[in-house]
C-alpha atoms as a PDB file:
ATOM      1  CA  MET A   1       8.252  34.654  59.086  1.00  0.00           C
ATOM      2  CA  ALA A   2       5.828  34.825  56.243  1.00  0.00           C
ATOM      3  CA  GLN A   3       4.497  31.730  54.625  1.00  0.00           C
ATOM      4  CA  PRO A   4       5.684  31.197  50.994  1.00  0.00           C
ATOM      5  CA  ALA A   5       2.968  31.694  48.388  1.00  0.00           C
ATOM      6  CA  ALA A   6       1.554  28.505  46.966  1.00  0.00           C
ATOM      7  CA  VAL A   7       2.834  27.922  43.467  1.00  0.00           C
ATOM      8  CA  SER A   8       0.318  26.346  41.164  1.00  0.00           C
ATOM      9  CA  THR A   9       1.699  23.957  38.614  1.00  0.00           C
ATOM     10  CA  PRO A  10       0.123  24.146  35.172  1.00  0.00           C
ATOM     11  CA  THR A  11      -1.760  21.042  34.202  1.00  0.00           C
ATOM     12  CA  THR A  12      -1.677  19.806  30.662  1.00  0.00           C
ATOM     13  CA  PRO A  13      -4.922  18.561  29.213  1.00  0.00           C
ATOM     14  CA  ALA A  14      -5.061  14.916  28.290  1.00  0.00           C
ATOM     15  CA  VAL A  15      -4.282  14.361  24.631  1.00  0.00           C
ATOM     16  CA  GLU A  16      -6.904  12.272  22.925  1.00  0.00           C
ATOM     17  CA  ILE A  17      -5.782  10.357  19.850  1.00  0.00           C
ATOM     18  CA  PRO A  18      -8.554  10.253  17.275  1.00  0.00           C
ATOM     19  CA  THR A  19      -9.517   6.902  15.847  1.00  0.00           C
ATOM     20  CA  ILE A  20      -9.782   6.558  12.092  1.00  0.00           C
ATOM     21  CA  SER A  21     -12.037   3.864  10.785  1.00  0.00           C
ATOM     22  CA  VAL A  22     -11.237   1.691   7.795  1.00  0.00           C
ATOM     23  CA  ARG A  23     -14.287   3.103   5.999  1.00  0.00           C
ATOM     24  CA  GLN A  24     -12.710   6.558   6.095  1.00  0.00           C
ATOM     25  CA  VAL A  25      -9.298   5.396   4.897  1.00  0.00           C
ATOM     26  CA  LEU A  26     -10.334   2.861   2.245  1.00  0.00           C
ATOM     27  CA  PRO A  27     -11.366   5.348  -0.496  1.00  0.00           C
ATOM     28  CA  TRP A  28      -8.069   7.225  -0.109  1.00  0.00           C
ATOM     29  CA  LEU A  29      -6.069   3.996  -0.241  1.00  0.00           C
ATOM     30  CA  ALA A  30      -7.906   2.936  -3.391  1.00  0.00           C
ATOM     31  CA  PHE A  31      -7.369   6.335  -5.025  1.00  0.00           C
ATOM     32  CA  PHE A  32      -3.658   6.549  -4.268  1.00  0.00           C
ATOM     33  CA  GLY A  33      -3.188   2.887  -5.202  1.00  0.00           C
ATOM     34  CA  LEU A  34      -4.749   3.559  -8.595  1.00  0.00           C
ATOM     35  CA  VAL A  35      -2.608   6.670  -9.098  1.00  0.00           C
ATOM     36  CA  ALA A  36       0.503   4.667  -8.158  1.00  0.00           C
ATOM     37  CA  LEU A  37      -0.377   1.899 -10.632  1.00  0.00           C
ATOM     38  CA  LEU A  38      -0.997   4.448 -13.372  1.00  0.00           C
ATOM     39  CA  ALA A  39       2.340   6.134 -12.657  1.00  0.00           C
ATOM     40  CA  MET A  40       4.144   2.782 -12.675  1.00  0.00           C
ATOM     41  CA  TYR A  41       2.521   1.948 -16.025  1.00  0.00           C
ATOM     42  CA  PHE A  42       3.674   5.178 -17.636  1.00  0.00           C
ATOM     43  CA  VAL A  43       7.174   4.913 -16.184  1.00  0.00           C
ATOM     44  CA  GLY A  44       7.646   1.206 -16.775  1.00  0.00           C
ATOM     45  CA  ALA A  45       5.549   0.005 -19.687  1.00  0.00           C
ATOM     46  CA  GLU A  46       4.513   2.942 -21.870  1.00  0.00           C
ATOM     47  CA  GLN A  47       6.177   2.872 -25.289  1.00  0.00           C
ATOM     48  CA  GLY A  48       6.451  -0.882 -25.077  1.00  0.00           C
ATOM     49  CA  ALA A  49       4.161  -3.588 -26.442  1.00  0.00           C
ATOM     50  CA  THR A  50       1.138  -2.153 -24.618  1.00  0.00           C
ATOM     51  CA  HIS A  51       1.601   1.556 -25.346  1.00  0.00           C
ATOM     52  CA  LEU A  52      -1.485   3.756 -25.289  1.00  0.00           C
ATOM     53  CA  ILE A  53       0.008   6.971 -26.657  1.00  0.00           C
ATOM     54  CA  SER A  54       1.888   6.923 -29.953  1.00  0.00           C
ATOM     55  CA  GLY A  55       5.190   8.715 -30.321  1.00  0.00           C
ATOM     56  CA  ALA A  56       8.141   9.061 -27.995  1.00  0.00           C
ATOM     57  CA  GLY A  57       6.842  11.962 -25.871  1.00  0.00           C
ATOM     58  CA  VAL A  58       5.952   9.923 -22.809  1.00  0.00           C
ATOM     59  CA  HIS A  59       9.234   8.031 -23.039  1.00  0.00           C
ATOM     60  CA  GLU A  60      11.216  11.258 -23.025  1.00  0.00           C
ATOM     61  CA  TRP A  61       9.272  12.715 -20.080  1.00  0.00           C
ATOM     62  CA  VAL A  62       9.808   9.665 -17.855  1.00  0.00           C
ATOM     63  CA  HIS A  63      13.203   8.592 -19.191  1.00  0.00           C
ATOM     64  CA  ASP A  64      15.237   9.437 -16.074  1.00  0.00           C
ATOM     65  CA  GLY A  65      12.575   7.933 -13.826  1.00  0.00           C
ATOM     66  CA  ARG A  66      12.887   4.651 -15.696  1.00  0.00           C
ATOM     67  CA  HIS A  67      16.602   4.478 -14.963  1.00  0.00           C
ATOM     68  CA  LEU A  68      16.104   5.587 -11.355  1.00  0.00           C
ATOM     69  CA  LEU A  69      13.608   2.749 -10.777  1.00  0.00           C
ATOM     70  CA  GLY A  70      15.709   0.186 -12.644  1.00  0.00           C
ATOM     71  CA  PHE A  71      13.611  -0.181 -15.801  1.00  0.00           C
ATOM     72  CA  PRO A  72      15.672  -0.797 -18.924  1.00  0.00           C
ATOM     73  CA  CYS A  73      14.641   1.376 -21.845  1.00  0.00           C
ATOM     74  CA  HIS A  74      17.474   1.091 -24.375  1.00  0.00           C
END
């Protein structure tokens, strides 16, 4: 009888998880934190006592977002 051919099993390369330092992430966290605070200001406080833009334009653009986030506006 003939010997069966040796079947080679494919080997998967080891997956290396990259490390991300705090110095690389910190500027992005600061940027997105600032954008989030600015968005929360316009949704929650614009057209109130500390409004920066006169008129009701900003209020109308973010009106549904105010209700979605629980801010009273009427």
